[in-house]
Amino acid sequence: MSNRCMDMDCSCQGKYLDKMLQPNILMILSKGPLHGFRIIQELSQSPMFSGMEPDRTGVYRYLKRMEEGGLLTSVLEKEEGMERKRRVFSITEKGRECFNSWDIVLKQYMVQLAGLIRQMDEEVKHP
């Protein structure tokens, strides 16, 4: 493998998978409402983040965009013993439909990617 590609800000390094944020957030919230910090903690445990915490500011921006798109709703709630209110996010019916679509699309991608990987492996073996 060439080091040249490893040094670049290249999508082959898996850096541009932010689109996977949406299905991950929808999956997390399909289990029940959560506040933003807890969503970030759950995301870091997702296979897409492998224990690394995602950019908090980016996640909050994305949550706002998803809410504006009707996939989520949020309310400010004050938890017992807490001074500040926290924004708690919930998935909407439109969000559940989107989540179901992601399930179908990602399964299709998996099949397509498996085919691409097989072709790439063949090319590596027999250039």
N, C-alpha and C. Protein backbone atom coordinates (compact mmCIF):
# COMPACT_ATOMS: atom_id res chain seq x y z
N MET A 1 0.85 -1.18 0.00
CA MET A 1 0.00 0.00 0.00
C MET A 1 0.89 1.24 0.00
N SER A 2 0.55 2.20 -0.81
CA SER A 2 1.32 3.41 -0.94
C SER A 2 1.12 4.32 0.26
N ASN A 3 2.22 4.86 0.80
CA ASN A 3 2.13 5.81 1.91
C ASN A 3 1.58 7.14 1.44
N ARG A 4 1.73 7.44 0.16
CA ARG A 4 1.27 8.72 -0.38
C ARG A 4 -0.21 8.92 -0.09
N CYS A 5 -1.02 7.91 -0.33
CA CYS A 5 -2.46 8.01 -0.08
C CYS A 5 -2.73 8.13 1.41
N MET A 6 -1.95 7.47 2.22
CA MET A 6 -2.16 7.49 3.67
C MET A 6 -1.94 8.89 4.24
N ASP A 7 -1.09 9.70 3.58
CA ASP A 7 -0.78 11.03 4.09
C ASP A 7 -1.81 12.07 3.67
N MET A 8 -2.62 11.75 2.70
CA MET A 8 -3.59 12.72 2.18
C MET A 8 -4.89 12.64 2.96
N ASP A 9 -5.65 13.70 2.87
CA ASP A 9 -6.98 13.72 3.45
C ASP A 9 -7.91 13.07 2.43
N CYS A 10 -7.80 11.76 2.32
CA CYS A 10 -8.44 11.01 1.24
C CYS A 10 -9.65 10.24 1.76
N SER A 11 -10.70 10.21 0.96
CA SER A 11 -11.90 9.47 1.37
C SER A 11 -11.62 7.98 1.50
N CYS A 12 -10.53 7.49 0.90
CA CYS A 12 -10.19 6.07 1.04
C CYS A 12 -9.77 5.75 2.48
N GLN A 13 -9.59 6.77 3.29
CA GLN A 13 -9.28 6.57 4.70
C GLN A 13 -10.55 6.48 5.54
N GLY A 14 -11.71 6.56 4.91
CA GLY A 14 -12.98 6.44 5.61
C GLY A 14 -13.39 7.72 6.33
N LYS A 15 -12.84 8.85 5.92
CA LYS A 15 -13.10 10.11 6.63
C LYS A 15 -14.40 10.77 6.25
N TYR A 16 -15.03 10.37 5.19
CA TYR A 16 -16.22 11.07 4.72
C TYR A 16 -17.47 10.21 4.88
N LEU A 17 -17.60 9.59 6.02
CA LEU A 17 -18.75 8.73 6.27
C LEU A 17 -19.75 9.42 7.19
N ASP A 18 -19.75 10.76 7.21
CA ASP A 18 -20.67 11.48 8.09
C ASP A 18 -22.13 11.21 7.75
N LYS A 19 -22.41 10.77 6.54
CA LYS A 19 -23.77 10.45 6.17
C LYS A 19 -24.29 9.28 7.02
N MET A 20 -23.41 8.49 7.58
CA MET A 20 -23.82 7.39 8.43
C MET A 20 -24.28 7.87 9.80
N LEU A 21 -24.10 9.15 10.06
CA LEU A 21 -24.57 9.73 11.32
C LEU A 21 -26.09 9.61 11.43
N GLN A 22 -26.79 9.88 10.34
CA GLN A 22 -28.25 9.86 10.37
C GLN A 22 -28.81 8.49 10.77
N PRO A 23 -28.43 7.40 10.09
CA PRO A 23 -29.02 6.12 10.51
C PRO A 23 -28.60 5.72 11.92
N ASN A 24 -27.41 6.11 12.34
CA ASN A 24 -26.98 5.81 13.70
C ASN A 24 -27.83 6.55 14.72
N ILE A 25 -28.07 7.83 14.50
CA ILE A 25 -28.89 8.62 15.42
C ILE A 25 -30.32 8.07 15.44
N LEU A 26 -30.87 7.76 14.27
CA LEU A 26 -32.22 7.21 14.22
C LEU A 26 -32.31 5.88 14.95
N MET A 27 -31.29 5.04 14.82
CA MET A 27 -31.28 3.76 15.50
C MET A 27 -31.27 3.97 17.02
N ILE A 28 -30.41 4.87 17.46
CA ILE A 28 -30.30 5.15 18.90
C ILE A 28 -31.62 5.66 19.46
N LEU A 29 -32.24 6.60 18.74
CA LEU A 29 -33.48 7.20 19.24
C LEU A 29 -34.70 6.30 19.04
N SER A 30 -34.56 5.28 18.20
CA SER A 30 -35.69 4.35 18.04
C SER A 30 -35.93 3.57 19.33
N LYS A 31 -34.95 3.55 20.21
CA LYS A 31 -35.06 2.85 21.50
C LYS A 31 -35.71 3.73 22.56
N GLY A 32 -35.74 5.05 22.30
CA GLY A 32 -36.36 5.97 23.26
C GLY A 32 -35.67 7.32 23.24
N PRO A 33 -36.32 8.35 23.82
CA PRO A 33 -35.79 9.72 23.83
C PRO A 33 -34.49 9.81 24.64
N LEU A 34 -33.59 10.67 24.17
CA LEU A 34 -32.32 10.90 24.88
C LEU A 34 -31.88 12.35 24.69
N HIS A 35 -31.09 12.83 25.64
CA HIS A 35 -30.49 14.16 25.48
C HIS A 35 -29.22 14.04 24.65
N GLY A 36 -28.79 15.16 24.10
CA GLY A 36 -27.69 15.19 23.15
C GLY A 36 -26.42 14.52 23.61
N PHE A 37 -26.00 14.78 24.86
CA PHE A 37 -24.74 14.20 25.33
C PHE A 37 -24.84 12.67 25.37
N ARG A 38 -25.98 12.17 25.77
CA ARG A 38 -26.17 10.71 25.81
C ARG A 38 -26.16 10.12 24.40
N ILE A 39 -26.71 10.85 23.43
CA ILE A 39 -26.67 10.41 22.03
C ILE A 39 -25.21 10.31 21.58
N ILE A 40 -24.40 11.29 21.93
CA ILE A 40 -22.98 11.28 21.56
C ILE A 40 -22.28 10.08 22.20
N GLN A 41 -22.59 9.80 23.46
CA GLN A 41 -21.99 8.63 24.12
C GLN A 41 -22.39 7.33 23.40
N GLU A 42 -23.65 7.24 23.03
CA GLU A 42 -24.12 6.05 22.31
C GLU A 42 -23.45 5.94 20.94
N LEU A 43 -23.30 7.08 20.24
CA LEU A 43 -22.63 7.07 18.94
C LEU A 43 -21.21 6.54 19.05
N SER A 44 -20.51 6.94 20.10
CA SER A 44 -19.11 6.51 20.25
C SER A 44 -19.01 5.00 20.42
N GLN A 45 -20.09 4.36 20.87
CA GLN A 45 -20.10 2.90 21.02
C GLN A 45 -20.57 2.19 19.76
N SER A 46 -20.99 2.97 18.76
CA SER A 46 -21.47 2.41 17.50
C SER A 46 -20.30 1.83 16.70
N PRO A 47 -20.55 0.78 15.92
CA PRO A 47 -19.49 0.22 15.08
C PRO A 47 -18.88 1.25 14.11
N MET A 48 -19.63 2.27 13.74
CA MET A 48 -19.11 3.29 12.82
C MET A 48 -18.06 4.17 13.47
N PHE A 49 -18.07 4.28 14.79
CA PHE A 49 -17.12 5.16 15.48
C PHE A 49 -16.07 4.40 16.28
N SER A 50 -16.23 3.11 16.43
CA SER A 50 -15.24 2.24 17.06
C SER A 50 -14.67 2.81 18.36
N GLY A 51 -15.52 3.30 19.24
CA GLY A 51 -15.07 3.80 20.53
C GLY A 51 -14.57 5.23 20.52
N MET A 52 -14.49 5.85 19.35
CA MET A 52 -14.05 7.24 19.26
C MET A 52 -15.27 8.16 19.36
N GLU A 53 -15.15 9.21 20.14
CA GLU A 53 -16.27 10.14 20.28
C GLU A 53 -16.36 11.02 19.04
N PRO A 54 -17.55 11.12 18.44
CA PRO A 54 -17.70 12.01 17.28
C PRO A 54 -17.61 13.47 17.72
N ASP A 55 -17.40 14.34 16.77
CA ASP A 55 -17.34 15.78 17.04
C ASP A 55 -18.68 16.24 17.63
N ARG A 56 -18.65 16.72 18.85
CA ARG A 56 -19.89 17.11 19.54
C ARG A 56 -20.64 18.21 18.81
N THR A 57 -19.92 19.24 18.40
CA THR A 57 -20.56 20.36 17.71
C THR A 57 -21.24 19.88 16.43
N GLY A 58 -20.55 19.03 15.69
CA GLY A 58 -21.12 18.48 14.46
C GLY A 58 -22.36 17.65 14.72
N VAL A 59 -22.36 16.87 15.79
CA VAL A 59 -23.53 16.04 16.12
C VAL A 59 -24.71 16.94 16.48
N TYR A 60 -24.47 17.97 17.30
CA TYR A 60 -25.57 18.86 17.68
C TYR A 60 -26.12 19.59 16.45
N ARG A 61 -25.23 19.99 15.55
CA ARG A 61 -25.68 20.63 14.30
C ARG A 61 -26.54 19.65 13.49
N TYR A 62 -26.10 18.42 13.44
CA TYR A 62 -26.82 17.40 12.68
C TYR A 62 -28.17 17.10 13.32
N LEU A 63 -28.23 17.05 14.65
CA LEU A 63 -29.51 16.84 15.34
C LEU A 63 -30.48 17.97 15.00
N LYS A 64 -29.99 19.19 14.98
CA LYS A 64 -30.84 20.34 14.64
C LYS A 64 -31.35 20.21 13.21
N ARG A 65 -30.47 19.82 12.29
CA ARG A 65 -30.87 19.65 10.89
C ARG A 65 -31.91 18.54 10.75
N MET A 66 -31.72 17.45 11.49
CA MET A 66 -32.68 16.35 11.44
C MET A 66 -34.03 16.79 12.02
N GLU A 67 -33.99 17.63 13.05
CA GLU A 67 -35.23 18.14 13.62
C GLU A 67 -35.93 19.07 12.62
N GLU A 68 -35.17 19.92 11.98
CA GLU A 68 -35.74 20.82 10.97
C GLU A 68 -36.34 20.03 9.81
N GLY A 69 -35.79 18.85 9.51
CA GLY A 69 -36.29 18.00 8.45
C GLY A 69 -37.46 17.13 8.87
N GLY A 70 -37.86 17.23 10.13
CA GLY A 70 -39.02 16.49 10.61
C GLY A 70 -38.73 15.07 11.04
N LEU A 71 -37.45 14.69 11.12
CA LEU A 71 -37.10 13.33 11.53
C LEU A 71 -37.09 13.19 13.05
N LEU A 72 -36.88 14.30 13.75
CA LEU A 72 -36.80 14.32 15.20
C LEU A 72 -37.62 15.47 15.76
N THR A 73 -37.97 15.35 17.02
CA THR A 73 -38.52 16.47 17.78
C THR A 73 -37.68 16.60 19.03
N SER A 74 -37.76 17.75 19.67
CA SER A 74 -37.03 17.91 20.93
C SER A 74 -37.81 18.81 21.88
N VAL A 75 -37.57 18.61 23.15
CA VAL A 75 -38.15 19.44 24.20
C VAL A 75 -37.06 19.71 25.23
N LEU A 76 -37.18 20.86 25.91
CA LEU A 76 -36.27 21.16 27.00
C LEU A 76 -36.85 20.57 28.28
N GLU A 77 -36.05 19.76 28.96
CA GLU A 77 -36.50 19.14 30.20
C GLU A 77 -35.49 19.42 31.29
N LYS A 78 -36.00 19.63 32.48
CA LYS A 78 -35.13 19.81 33.64
C LYS A 78 -35.13 18.50 34.41
N GLU A 79 -33.93 17.94 34.55
CA GLU A 79 -33.81 16.69 35.30
C GLU A 79 -33.67 16.99 36.77
N GLU A 80 -34.15 16.08 37.58
CA GLU A 80 -34.08 16.25 39.02
C GLU A 80 -32.63 16.41 39.47
N GLY A 81 -32.38 17.42 40.28
CA GLY A 81 -31.03 17.67 40.78
C GLY A 81 -30.14 18.45 39.83
N MET A 82 -30.66 18.80 38.65
CA MET A 82 -29.88 19.54 37.66
C MET A 82 -30.35 20.99 37.65
N GLU A 83 -29.40 21.91 37.50
CA GLU A 83 -29.73 23.33 37.41
C GLU A 83 -30.26 23.69 36.02
N ARG A 84 -29.57 23.18 35.01
CA ARG A 84 -29.91 23.54 33.62
C ARG A 84 -30.89 22.55 33.03
N LYS A 85 -31.60 23.04 32.02
CA LYS A 85 -32.47 22.17 31.24
C LYS A 85 -31.65 21.51 30.14
N ARG A 86 -32.05 20.33 29.77
CA ARG A 86 -31.40 19.60 28.67
C ARG A 86 -32.41 19.41 27.55
N ARG A 87 -31.89 19.48 26.33
CA ARG A 87 -32.74 19.22 25.17
C ARG A 87 -32.80 17.70 24.97
N VAL A 88 -34.01 17.17 24.99
CA VAL A 88 -34.22 15.73 24.82
C VAL A 88 -34.84 15.50 23.45
N PHE A 89 -34.21 14.62 22.68
CA PHE A 89 -34.63 14.35 21.30
C PHE A 89 -35.42 13.05 21.24
N SER A 90 -36.42 13.04 20.35
CA SER A 90 -37.24 11.85 20.09
C SER A 90 -37.38 11.69 18.58
N ILE A 91 -37.53 10.45 18.16
CA ILE A 91 -37.74 10.16 16.74
C ILE A 91 -39.23 10.38 16.41
N THR A 92 -39.50 10.90 15.24
CA THR A 92 -40.87 11.10 14.77
C THR A 92 -41.29 9.92 13.90
N GLU A 93 -42.54 9.92 13.48
CA GLU A 93 -43.01 8.89 12.54
C GLU A 93 -42.22 8.98 11.23
N LYS A 94 -41.99 10.20 10.75
CA LYS A 94 -41.19 10.39 9.54
C LYS A 94 -39.77 9.84 9.76
N GLY A 95 -39.23 10.04 10.95
CA GLY A 95 -37.91 9.50 11.29
C GLY A 95 -37.89 7.98 11.28
N ARG A 96 -38.97 7.37 11.76
CA ARG A 96 -39.06 5.90 11.75
C ARG A 96 -39.12 5.37 10.31
N GLU A 97 -39.87 6.08 9.46
CA GLU A 97 -39.93 5.69 8.05
C GLU A 97 -38.55 5.81 7.41
N CYS A 98 -37.85 6.89 7.74
CA CYS A 98 -36.49 7.09 7.22
C CYS A 98 -35.56 5.98 7.71
N PHE A 99 -35.67 5.63 8.99
CA PHE A 99 -34.86 4.57 9.57
C PHE A 99 -35.10 3.25 8.84
N ASN A 100 -36.37 2.94 8.55
CA ASN A 100 -36.70 1.72 7.81
C ASN A 100 -36.10 1.75 6.41
N SER A 101 -36.12 2.91 5.77
CA SER A 101 -35.51 3.05 4.44
C SER A 101 -34.00 2.82 4.52
N TRP A 102 -33.37 3.38 5.54
CA TRP A 102 -31.93 3.17 5.72
C TRP A 102 -31.62 1.68 5.84
N ASP A 103 -32.44 0.95 6.56
CA ASP A 103 -32.22 -0.48 6.74
C ASP A 103 -32.18 -1.19 5.39
N ILE A 104 -33.12 -0.87 4.52
CA ILE A 104 -33.18 -1.49 3.19
C ILE A 104 -31.97 -1.06 2.35
N VAL A 105 -31.71 0.25 2.32
CA VAL A 105 -30.62 0.78 1.48
C VAL A 105 -29.26 0.26 1.93
N LEU A 106 -29.02 0.22 3.23
CA LEU A 106 -27.71 -0.26 3.71
C LEU A 106 -27.51 -1.74 3.39
N LYS A 107 -28.57 -2.51 3.44
CA LYS A 107 -28.45 -3.93 3.06
C LYS A 107 -28.11 -4.06 1.57
N GLN A 108 -28.71 -3.19 0.74
CA GLN A 108 -28.38 -3.19 -0.68
C GLN A 108 -26.92 -2.78 -0.89
N TYR A 109 -26.48 -1.75 -0.18
CA TYR A 109 -25.08 -1.32 -0.27
C TYR A 109 -24.13 -2.44 0.12
N MET A 110 -24.51 -3.18 1.16
CA MET A 110 -23.66 -4.26 1.63
C MET A 110 -23.43 -5.29 0.52
N VAL A 111 -24.48 -5.64 -0.19
CA VAL A 111 -24.37 -6.60 -1.30
C VAL A 111 -23.49 -6.00 -2.41
N GLN A 112 -23.75 -4.74 -2.75
CA GLN A 112 -22.98 -4.09 -3.80
C GLN A 112 -21.51 -3.94 -3.41
N LEU A 113 -21.26 -3.58 -2.16
CA LEU A 113 -19.87 -3.44 -1.70
C LEU A 113 -19.15 -4.78 -1.69
N ALA A 114 -19.85 -5.83 -1.30
CA ALA A 114 -19.23 -7.17 -1.32
C ALA A 114 -18.79 -7.52 -2.74
N GLY A 115 -19.63 -7.19 -3.73
CA GLY A 115 -19.26 -7.45 -5.13
C GLY A 115 -18.05 -6.62 -5.55
N LEU A 116 -18.03 -5.36 -5.18
CA LEU A 116 -16.90 -4.49 -5.50
C LEU A 116 -15.61 -5.00 -4.85
N ILE A 117 -15.70 -5.41 -3.60
CA ILE A 117 -14.51 -5.92 -2.88
C ILE A 117 -13.99 -7.18 -3.55
N ARG A 118 -14.89 -8.06 -3.97
CA ARG A 118 -14.45 -9.28 -4.68
C ARG A 118 -13.70 -8.91 -5.95
N GLN A 119 -14.24 -7.94 -6.72
CA GLN A 119 -13.57 -7.50 -7.95
C GLN A 119 -12.21 -6.88 -7.63
N MET A 120 -12.13 -6.08 -6.60
CA MET A 120 -10.86 -5.45 -6.21
C MET A 120 -9.84 -6.50 -5.80
N ASP A 121 -10.29 -7.51 -5.03
CA ASP A 121 -9.40 -8.59 -4.61
C ASP A 121 -8.86 -9.34 -5.82
N GLU A 122 -9.70 -9.58 -6.82
CA GLU A 122 -9.26 -10.25 -8.05
C GLU A 122 -8.22 -9.41 -8.77
N GLU A 123 -8.44 -8.11 -8.82
CA GLU A 123 -7.49 -7.21 -9.50
C GLU A 123 -6.15 -7.19 -8.79
N VAL A 124 -6.19 -7.24 -7.46
CA VAL A 124 -4.93 -7.27 -6.69
C VAL A 124 -4.17 -8.57 -6.97
N LYS A 125 -4.91 -9.68 -7.06
CA LYS A 125 -4.28 -10.98 -7.33
C LYS A 125 -3.77 -11.09 -8.74
N HIS A 126 -4.49 -10.52 -9.71
CA HIS A 126 -4.17 -10.64 -11.13
C HIS A 126 -4.26 -9.28 -11.81
N PRO A 127 -3.30 -8.39 -11.54
CA PRO A 127 -3.37 -7.03 -12.13
C PRO A 127 -3.28 -7.04 -13.65
